[in-house]
Amino acid sequence: MNIGKYSFGIGDRFGRQGVPLLAAVKEAERMGVEVTPVWNKSQREHTIIGTTPAMVRAEAEEAVASMGWGGHYYVDADHITLKNVDAFIESSDFFTLDVSDYIGRPAEQEEIETFVAGCQRYAEGISIQGVGDEFVFGEDLIRAVAGKYLAAVKQAGRLHRRIVSKKGWGNFITELSMDETETAQSSVELFFILAAAAQEEIPIQTIAPKFGGRFNKGVDYAGDVERFAEEFERNLAVIAFAVEEFGLPKNLKLSVHSGSDKFSIYGPMNKAIKKFGAGLHVKTAGTTWLEELAGLALAGGKYLEIAKRIYAKAFSQMDELSKPYSTVIDIDRRKLPEPDVVAEWNGKKFDDALRHNTTCGRYNPHLRQLLHVAYKIAAEMGTEFTEAVADCQRIIGPNVTENIFERHIKPIFVD
């Protein structure tokens, strides 16, 4: 099983926008660009919303049937670990192995020595086309990288073998994720992480490193865009070299866990993948849920009141809602409107504050981030929320499609 050159991970918190999401992918196909859709949902999201992995599979299959989609598609067990992987085995065929918690843990000394010995030929340095300067390593550096990352890759190996024992070899896509950590990996560290993955015999097809800058949920990239572009290109070059050097899968590609809406870096990413002829996987987050909320606001009446109630509760429960996402949100409480102010808004004002449009003076990235992590409140409303979404689908559906295609897929893969 091999994933295509370009693929796009679509988060759909409540599992009700499968058709509009797939419509965005079909629009790319109409423009001559093949993008493989990947439905992704984590254990944390399932727990909060009360869904199961089987429900994500059902959503994907219903959308595919409804749209007459003839291309490949996958269901991603997003950020799984050995503790929760078994629940995803049957329904998933894409597994994001999250081993970030093992970064920095010491591996066994014998394992480190074996790894260092296997990489000894790189100690004097190598030249990688597309990077510019030569990589100079030295045994001390190799040992330091092993000390930081080898235990994590070993854990990925155990997790991969667990999945193989249930699904068989080659019957799923494997992604190695190291992005949910405080410190970005350098291109040198990425090189040796890939070396360790090869030694561990993990046939990774996508790898999600941590990049410099901030990838906060639902808002633009915060960091030096030029530096990101350089880092991104170096990583593409390292992957291309590692594929040949270590015998990794030919279609191995970068995965960017964007958190959605990283508009300022989409152009550099597009330019780089075309320059290198490289593949790319991009994973979004809860943007679709925000489109549902915006649609309720625009519908007005009782639906707008639901949106306002969600905001009021989110405002009062900000600390609780933010805690699981503390490394990927930056909310300034002082810049959040008081609920009694929001209570006076019409649907257009609510939508203007929520929608990621920096040319609109009412846009509020702090409100947007807070509501991004407030889907728990909507989940607690049960059928009141889901029935409201169904009632407003004529507004929500087209906006979901436009958002994913025009703001994400098109600037990354098409333009």
Protein backbone atom coordinates (compact mmCIF):
# COMPACT_ATOMS: atom_id res chain seq x y z
CA MET A 1 0.00 0.00 0.00
CA ASN A 2 1.56 3.28 -1.15
CA ILE A 3 0.26 6.79 -0.65
CA GLY A 4 0.29 9.24 -3.55
CA LYS A 5 2.73 12.09 -4.09
CA TYR A 6 0.41 14.72 -2.62
CA SER A 7 -1.97 13.99 0.23
CA PHE A 8 -4.08 16.06 2.56
CA GLY A 9 -5.23 15.16 6.05
CA ILE A 10 -8.71 16.45 6.81
CA GLY A 11 -9.88 16.86 10.37
CA ASP A 12 -13.64 16.68 10.86
CA ARG A 13 -14.43 16.85 14.56
CA PHE A 14 -18.10 15.88 14.32
CA GLY A 15 -17.88 13.70 11.22
CA ARG A 16 -20.59 15.51 9.26
CA GLN A 17 -18.67 17.22 6.46
CA GLY A 18 -17.27 14.27 4.53
CA VAL A 19 -18.94 15.23 1.24
CA PRO A 20 -17.94 18.94 1.29
CA LEU A 21 -14.39 17.98 2.24
CA LEU A 22 -14.12 15.47 -0.57
CA ALA A 23 -15.59 18.06 -2.93
CA ALA A 24 -12.52 20.23 -2.25
CA VAL A 25 -10.24 17.36 -3.24
CA LYS A 26 -12.29 16.76 -6.38
CA GLU A 27 -11.88 20.42 -7.29
CA ALA A 28 -8.10 19.93 -7.23
CA GLU A 29 -8.54 16.88 -9.47
CA ARG A 30 -10.58 19.01 -11.88
CA MET A 31 -7.61 21.38 -12.08
CA GLY A 32 -5.24 18.54 -12.90
CA VAL A 33 -3.68 17.93 -9.48
CA GLU A 34 -4.14 14.58 -7.73
CA VAL A 35 -4.43 14.94 -3.97
CA THR A 36 -5.18 11.90 -1.81
CA PRO A 37 -7.65 12.62 1.01
CA VAL A 38 -6.84 11.25 4.45
CA TRP A 39 -9.49 11.44 7.17
CA ASN A 40 -7.69 11.92 10.50
CA LYS A 41 -8.92 11.85 14.07
CA SER A 42 -7.05 11.33 17.33
CA GLN A 43 -7.95 9.39 20.45
CA ARG A 44 -8.29 12.67 22.35
CA GLU A 45 -10.91 13.90 19.87
CA HIS A 46 -12.79 10.60 19.96
CA THR A 47 -12.86 10.72 23.76
CA ILE A 48 -14.11 14.31 23.92
CA ILE A 49 -16.76 13.95 21.23
CA GLY A 50 -17.82 10.37 22.00
CA THR A 51 -17.03 8.91 18.59
CA THR A 52 -15.11 5.81 17.51
CA PRO A 53 -12.56 5.05 14.77
CA ALA A 54 -15.22 2.98 12.99
CA MET A 55 -17.32 6.13 12.62
CA VAL A 56 -14.49 7.90 10.79
CA ARG A 57 -14.23 4.98 8.37
CA ALA A 58 -17.99 5.12 7.83
CA GLU A 59 -17.87 8.86 7.13
CA ALA A 60 -15.11 8.41 4.57
CA GLU A 61 -16.84 5.55 2.80
CA GLU A 62 -20.18 7.36 2.70
CA ALA A 63 -18.54 10.45 1.19
CA VAL A 64 -16.63 8.38 -1.37
CA ALA A 65 -19.82 6.60 -2.44
CA SER A 66 -21.85 9.80 -2.54
CA MET A 67 -19.26 11.69 -4.62
CA GLY A 68 -18.34 8.78 -6.88
CA TRP A 69 -14.71 9.16 -5.84
CA GLY A 70 -12.54 6.70 -7.74
CA GLY A 71 -9.19 7.62 -6.27
CA HIS A 72 -7.38 6.36 -3.20
CA TYR A 73 -8.35 7.56 0.26
CA TYR A 74 -7.23 6.65 3.75
CA VAL A 75 -8.31 6.82 7.38
CA ASP A 76 -5.59 7.98 9.75
CA ALA A 77 -5.22 6.78 13.33
CA ASP A 78 -3.86 10.17 14.31
CA HIS A 79 -1.14 10.47 16.96
CA ILE A 80 -1.54 6.94 18.27
CA THR A 81 0.63 5.21 20.85
CA LEU A 82 0.96 1.66 22.14
CA LYS A 83 -1.63 2.52 24.79
CA ASN A 84 -4.45 3.22 22.33
CA VAL A 85 -3.49 1.71 18.96
CA ASP A 86 -5.62 -1.42 19.27
CA ALA A 87 -8.86 0.54 19.04
CA PHE A 88 -7.79 1.87 15.62
CA ILE A 89 -6.46 -1.33 14.05
CA GLU A 90 -9.60 -2.50 12.26
CA SER A 91 -10.82 0.84 10.91
CA SER A 92 -7.56 2.57 9.95
CA ASP A 93 -5.10 2.09 7.12
CA PHE A 94 -2.87 5.08 7.90
CA PHE A 95 -1.12 5.23 11.28
CA THR A 96 0.59 8.32 12.66
CA LEU A 97 3.07 6.91 15.17
CA ASP A 98 3.48 9.58 17.84
CA VAL A 99 6.64 8.99 19.85
CA SER A 100 7.26 12.57 20.96
CA ASP A 101 7.05 11.55 24.63
CA TYR A 102 10.12 9.35 24.13
CA ILE A 103 12.33 12.10 22.74
CA GLY A 104 15.13 12.70 25.21
CA ARG A 105 14.65 9.41 27.03
CA PRO A 106 17.83 7.35 27.18
CA ALA A 107 18.05 4.30 24.96
CA GLU A 108 19.90 1.20 26.10
CA GLN A 109 23.66 1.75 25.92
CA GLU A 110 24.09 -1.32 23.73
CA GLU A 111 21.48 0.05 21.32
CA ILE A 112 23.31 3.37 21.14
CA GLU A 113 26.64 1.67 20.44
CA THR A 114 25.08 -0.43 17.68
CA PHE A 115 23.54 2.65 16.10
CA VAL A 116 26.75 4.69 16.29
CA ALA A 117 28.73 1.83 14.78
CA GLY A 118 26.24 1.56 11.93
CA CYS A 119 26.60 5.29 11.20
CA GLN A 120 30.38 5.45 11.57
CA ARG A 121 30.90 6.00 7.85
CA TYR A 122 29.15 9.36 8.14
CA ALA A 123 31.37 10.68 10.92
CA GLU A 124 33.66 12.54 8.53
CA GLY A 125 30.76 14.26 6.80
CA ILE A 126 28.73 13.95 3.63
CA SER A 127 27.57 16.21 0.84
CA ILE A 128 23.85 16.33 0.06
CA GLN A 129 22.66 17.81 -3.22
CA GLY A 130 20.34 20.72 -2.68
CA VAL A 131 21.66 21.61 0.75
CA GLY A 132 24.63 23.71 -0.31
CA ASP A 133 27.18 23.04 2.39
CA GLU A 134 28.60 19.75 3.49
CA PHE A 135 27.27 18.07 6.59
CA VAL A 136 30.07 17.47 9.09
CA PHE A 137 29.04 15.13 11.86
CA GLY A 138 31.73 13.56 14.01
CA GLU A 139 31.08 10.64 16.34
CA ASP A 140 30.18 12.89 19.28
CA LEU A 141 27.34 14.45 17.31
CA ILE A 142 26.07 11.05 16.15
CA ARG A 143 26.12 9.82 19.72
CA ALA A 144 24.29 12.94 20.93
CA VAL A 145 21.53 12.49 18.33
CA ALA A 146 21.22 8.83 19.32
CA GLY A 147 20.95 9.84 22.96
CA LYS A 148 18.06 12.17 22.17
CA TYR A 149 16.09 10.33 19.48
CA LEU A 150 17.00 6.64 19.38
CA ALA A 151 14.61 5.62 22.16
CA ALA A 152 11.79 7.36 20.31
CA VAL A 153 12.51 5.52 17.06
CA LYS A 154 12.80 2.23 18.94
CA GLN A 155 9.35 2.89 20.40
CA ALA A 156 8.05 3.57 16.89
CA GLY A 157 9.45 0.21 15.86
CA ARG A 158 7.56 -1.54 18.65
CA LEU A 159 4.37 0.28 17.70
CA HIS A 160 4.78 -0.55 14.01
CA ARG A 161 5.35 -4.22 14.78
CA ARG A 162 2.20 -4.23 16.90
CA ILE A 163 0.17 -2.97 13.93
CA VAL A 164 1.86 -5.46 11.57
CA SER A 165 0.92 -8.30 13.92
CA LYS A 166 -2.74 -7.38 13.44
CA LYS A 167 -2.93 -6.09 9.85
CA GLY A 168 0.01 -7.74 8.14
CA TRP A 169 3.05 -6.19 6.45
CA GLY A 170 2.39 -3.56 3.81
CA ASN A 171 -1.33 -3.23 4.46
CA PHE A 172 -1.19 0.30 5.83
CA ILE A 173 0.63 3.63 5.56
CA THR A 174 3.10 4.52 8.30
CA GLU A 175 3.89 8.05 9.40
CA LEU A 176 6.52 8.86 12.02
CA SER A 177 5.55 11.91 14.06
CA MET A 178 7.95 13.90 16.21
CA ASP A 179 6.31 17.30 15.96
CA GLU A 180 4.60 17.52 19.35
CA THR A 181 7.70 18.55 21.25
CA GLU A 182 9.19 21.85 22.35
CA THR A 183 12.37 21.77 20.26
CA ALA A 184 12.59 21.60 16.47
CA GLN A 185 14.74 18.92 14.86
CA SER A 186 17.61 20.12 12.71
CA SER A 187 18.24 18.66 9.25
CA VAL A 188 21.20 16.77 10.71
CA GLU A 189 18.98 15.24 13.39
CA LEU A 190 16.39 14.35 10.75
CA PHE A 191 19.09 12.53 8.76
CA PHE A 192 19.97 10.29 11.71
CA ILE A 193 16.32 9.82 12.70
CA LEU A 194 15.78 8.40 9.22
CA ALA A 195 18.90 6.25 9.63
CA ALA A 196 17.45 4.87 12.87
CA ALA A 197 14.05 4.23 11.22
CA ALA A 198 15.81 2.25 8.50
CA GLN A 199 17.78 0.22 11.05
CA GLU A 200 14.51 -0.44 12.87
CA GLU A 201 12.96 -1.56 9.53
CA ILE A 202 10.02 0.85 9.72
CA PRO A 203 8.77 1.49 6.16
CA ILE A 204 7.79 5.08 6.83
CA GLN A 205 6.11 6.86 3.93
CA THR A 206 5.71 10.20 5.68
CA ILE A 207 7.65 11.86 8.49
CA ALA A 208 6.46 14.81 10.55
CA PRO A 209 9.36 16.63 12.19
CA LYS A 210 9.04 19.66 14.41
CA PHE A 211 9.81 22.86 12.51
CA GLY A 212 10.96 26.14 13.99
CA GLY A 213 8.34 28.78 14.73
CA ARG A 214 4.87 28.32 16.15
CA PHE A 215 2.13 26.22 14.56
CA ASN A 216 -0.78 27.40 16.65
CA LYS A 217 -4.23 25.97 16.02
CA GLY A 218 -6.29 27.67 13.36
CA VAL A 219 -4.11 30.77 12.87
CA ASP A 220 -1.15 31.68 10.70
CA TYR A 221 2.44 30.60 11.18
CA ALA A 222 4.32 32.64 13.79
CA GLY A 223 8.00 32.81 12.94
CA ASP A 224 10.59 33.74 10.34
CA VAL A 225 9.10 32.64 7.00
CA GLU A 226 12.42 32.82 5.14
CA ARG A 227 14.08 30.66 7.78
CA PHE A 228 11.22 28.16 7.59
CA ALA A 229 11.59 28.01 3.79
CA GLU A 230 15.30 27.22 4.13
CA GLU A 231 14.60 24.59 6.79
CA PHE A 232 11.85 23.05 4.67
CA GLU A 233 14.10 22.80 1.58
CA ARG A 234 16.96 21.29 3.58
CA ASN A 235 14.61 18.64 4.96
CA LEU A 236 13.38 17.81 1.45
CA ALA A 237 16.99 17.36 0.33
CA VAL A 238 17.82 15.19 3.35
CA ILE A 239 14.82 12.94 2.72
CA ALA A 240 15.70 12.49 -0.95
CA PHE A 241 19.25 11.52 0.03
CA ALA A 242 18.14 9.22 2.86
CA VAL A 243 15.74 7.31 0.62
CA GLU A 244 18.64 6.22 -1.57
CA GLU A 245 21.19 5.88 1.21
CA PHE A 246 19.09 3.81 3.61
CA GLY A 247 16.72 2.01 1.26
CA LEU A 248 13.65 3.72 2.67
CA PRO A 249 10.40 3.76 0.65
CA LYS A 250 10.81 5.67 -2.62
CA ASN A 251 7.72 7.76 -1.90
CA LEU A 252 8.85 8.92 1.56
CA LYS A 253 7.81 12.54 2.01
CA LEU A 254 7.55 15.31 4.56
CA SER A 255 4.40 15.67 6.61
CA VAL A 256 3.50 19.08 7.98
CA HIS A 257 1.12 19.05 10.92
CA SER A 258 -0.05 22.54 10.16
CA GLY A 259 -2.75 23.07 12.75
CA SER A 260 -4.50 24.66 9.73
CA ASP A 261 -4.29 28.11 8.19
CA LYS A 262 -0.50 28.52 7.86
CA PHE A 263 -1.10 30.79 4.90
CA SER A 264 2.26 32.62 4.99
CA ILE A 265 4.26 29.42 4.48
CA TYR A 266 2.04 27.74 1.90
CA GLY A 267 3.72 29.62 -0.96
CA PRO A 268 7.26 28.62 0.07
CA MET A 269 6.11 25.01 0.54
CA ASN A 270 4.54 24.97 -2.93
CA LYS A 271 7.69 26.41 -4.49
CA ALA A 272 9.96 23.94 -2.70
CA ILE A 273 8.07 20.74 -3.54
CA LYS A 274 8.00 21.74 -7.20
CA LYS A 275 11.70 22.64 -7.14
CA PHE A 276 12.62 19.23 -5.72
CA GLY A 277 9.86 17.25 -7.40
CA ALA A 278 8.95 16.12 -3.90
CA GLY A 279 5.78 14.79 -2.38
CA LEU A 280 4.06 16.33 0.63
CA HIS A 281 1.46 15.43 3.23
CA VAL A 282 -0.29 18.26 5.06
CA LYS A 283 -2.52 17.64 8.03
CA THR A 284 -5.13 20.18 9.07
CA ALA A 285 -6.93 20.41 12.37
CA GLY A 286 -10.32 21.74 13.47
CA THR A 287 -10.93 24.30 10.74
CA THR A 288 -14.01 22.37 9.59
CA TRP A 289 -15.56 22.61 13.04
CA LEU A 290 -15.03 26.37 12.93
CA GLU A 291 -16.82 26.51 9.58
CA GLU A 292 -19.75 24.77 11.22
CA LEU A 293 -19.77 27.33 14.01
CA ALA A 294 -19.51 30.24 11.56
CA GLY A 295 -22.38 28.75 9.56
CA LEU A 296 -24.60 28.65 12.64
CA ALA A 297 -23.81 32.30 13.32
CA LEU A 298 -24.59 33.35 9.75
CA ALA A 299 -27.89 31.44 9.85
CA GLY A 300 -29.03 33.76 12.63
CA GLY A 301 -31.90 33.23 15.04
CA LYS A 302 -31.65 30.25 17.35
CA TYR A 303 -28.54 29.02 15.51
CA LEU A 304 -26.69 32.26 16.23
CA GLU A 305 -27.71 31.90 19.87
CA ILE A 306 -26.10 28.44 19.97
CA ALA A 307 -22.85 29.94 18.67
CA LYS A 308 -22.99 32.66 21.31
CA ARG A 309 -23.64 30.15 24.09
CA ILE A 310 -20.64 28.12 22.99
CA TYR A 311 -18.46 31.22 23.11
CA ALA A 312 -19.74 32.24 26.55
CA LYS A 313 -18.98 28.80 28.00
CA ALA A 314 -15.60 28.71 26.28
CA PHE A 315 -14.76 32.09 27.79
CA SER A 316 -15.60 30.85 31.30
CA GLN A 317 -13.79 27.51 30.81
CA MET A 318 -10.76 28.84 28.93
CA ASP A 319 -8.14 27.36 31.27
CA GLU A 320 -9.66 23.87 31.16
CA LEU A 321 -10.10 23.92 27.38
CA SER A 322 -6.63 25.31 26.72
CA LYS A 323 -4.64 22.93 28.92
CA PRO A 324 -4.41 19.99 26.45
CA TYR A 325 -3.37 22.41 23.70
CA SER A 326 -0.99 24.62 25.68
CA THR A 327 1.91 24.13 23.24
CA VAL A 328 -0.14 25.04 20.16
CA ILE A 329 -2.22 28.05 21.19
CA ASP A 330 -1.36 31.59 22.27
CA ILE A 331 -4.47 33.28 23.64
CA ASP A 332 -4.34 36.69 25.30
CA ARG A 333 -7.35 36.77 27.59
CA ARG A 334 -7.25 40.57 27.56
CA LYS A 335 -8.00 40.53 23.83
CA LEU A 336 -11.08 38.34 24.11
CA PRO A 337 -14.43 40.12 23.96
CA GLU A 338 -16.64 39.70 27.01
CA PRO A 339 -19.58 37.34 26.49
CA ASP A 340 -22.07 40.14 27.10
CA VAL A 341 -20.48 42.04 24.21
CA VAL A 342 -20.70 39.00 21.92
CA ALA A 343 -24.32 38.55 23.00
CA GLU A 344 -25.15 41.78 21.16
CA TRP A 345 -23.49 40.75 17.90
CA ASN A 346 -25.38 39.82 14.75
CA GLY A 347 -24.27 36.83 12.69
CA LYS A 348 -22.02 38.89 10.43
CA LYS A 349 -20.06 40.36 13.36
CA PHE A 350 -19.61 36.89 14.87
CA ASP A 351 -18.42 35.49 11.54
CA ASP A 352 -16.06 38.43 10.98
CA ALA A 353 -14.43 37.89 14.37
CA LEU A 354 -14.10 34.15 13.85
CA ARG A 355 -13.12 33.89 10.18
CA HIS A 356 -9.38 33.97 9.44
CA ASN A 357 -9.34 37.07 7.24
CA THR A 358 -6.60 39.48 8.27
CA THR A 359 -7.98 42.20 5.97
CA CYS A 360 -11.09 42.38 8.14
CA GLY A 361 -10.71 44.70 11.10
CA ARG A 362 -13.02 42.56 13.23
CA TYR A 363 -10.96 39.37 12.87
CA ASN A 364 -9.81 38.22 16.32
CA PRO A 365 -7.17 35.44 16.35
CA HIS A 366 -7.57 35.01 20.11
CA LEU A 367 -11.28 34.35 19.80
CA ARG A 368 -10.58 32.00 16.90
CA GLN A 369 -8.05 29.96 18.86
CA LEU A 370 -10.34 29.75 21.88
CA LEU A 371 -13.25 28.50 19.79
CA HIS A 372 -10.90 26.12 17.97
CA VAL A 373 -10.36 24.20 21.22
CA ALA A 374 -13.96 24.62 22.40
CA TYR A 375 -15.46 21.76 20.42
CA LYS A 376 -15.88 19.94 23.73
CA ILE A 377 -18.65 22.36 24.60
CA ALA A 378 -20.45 21.69 21.34
CA ALA A 379 -20.06 17.95 21.95
CA GLU A 380 -21.69 18.32 25.36
CA MET A 381 -24.73 19.89 23.67
CA GLY A 382 -25.36 16.57 21.91
CA THR A 383 -28.11 16.52 19.34
CA GLU A 384 -28.91 20.19 19.85
CA PHE A 385 -25.62 21.04 18.14
CA THR A 386 -25.57 18.28 15.52
CA GLU A 387 -29.18 18.91 14.49
CA ALA A 388 -28.45 22.61 14.20
CA VAL A 389 -25.52 21.81 11.91
CA ALA A 390 -27.78 19.63 9.78
CA ASP A 391 -30.35 22.43 9.57
CA CYS A 392 -27.67 24.90 8.40
CA GLN A 393 -25.83 22.59 6.02
CA ARG A 394 -26.77 24.66 2.97
CA ILE A 395 -24.57 27.43 4.43
CA ILE A 396 -21.92 25.27 6.05
CA GLY A 397 -21.22 22.80 3.23
CA PRO A 398 -20.13 25.28 0.52
CA ASN A 399 -18.03 27.17 3.07
CA VAL A 400 -16.25 23.96 4.11
CA THR A 401 -15.40 23.19 0.49
CA GLU A 402 -14.25 26.73 -0.25
CA ASN A 403 -12.15 26.90 2.90
CA ILE A 404 -10.28 23.65 2.29
CA PHE A 405 -9.76 24.16 -1.43
CA GLU A 406 -9.21 27.90 -1.82
CA ARG A 407 -7.29 28.54 1.41
CA HIS A 408 -5.38 25.27 1.75
CA ILE A 409 -5.19 22.79 -1.12
CA LYS A 410 -4.94 25.35 -3.92
CA PRO A 411 -2.07 27.47 -2.53
CA ILE A 412 -0.12 24.40 -1.38
CA PHE A 413 -0.50 22.04 -4.33
CA VAL A 414 -2.05 23.90 -7.28
CA ASP A 415 -0.92 27.54 -7.64
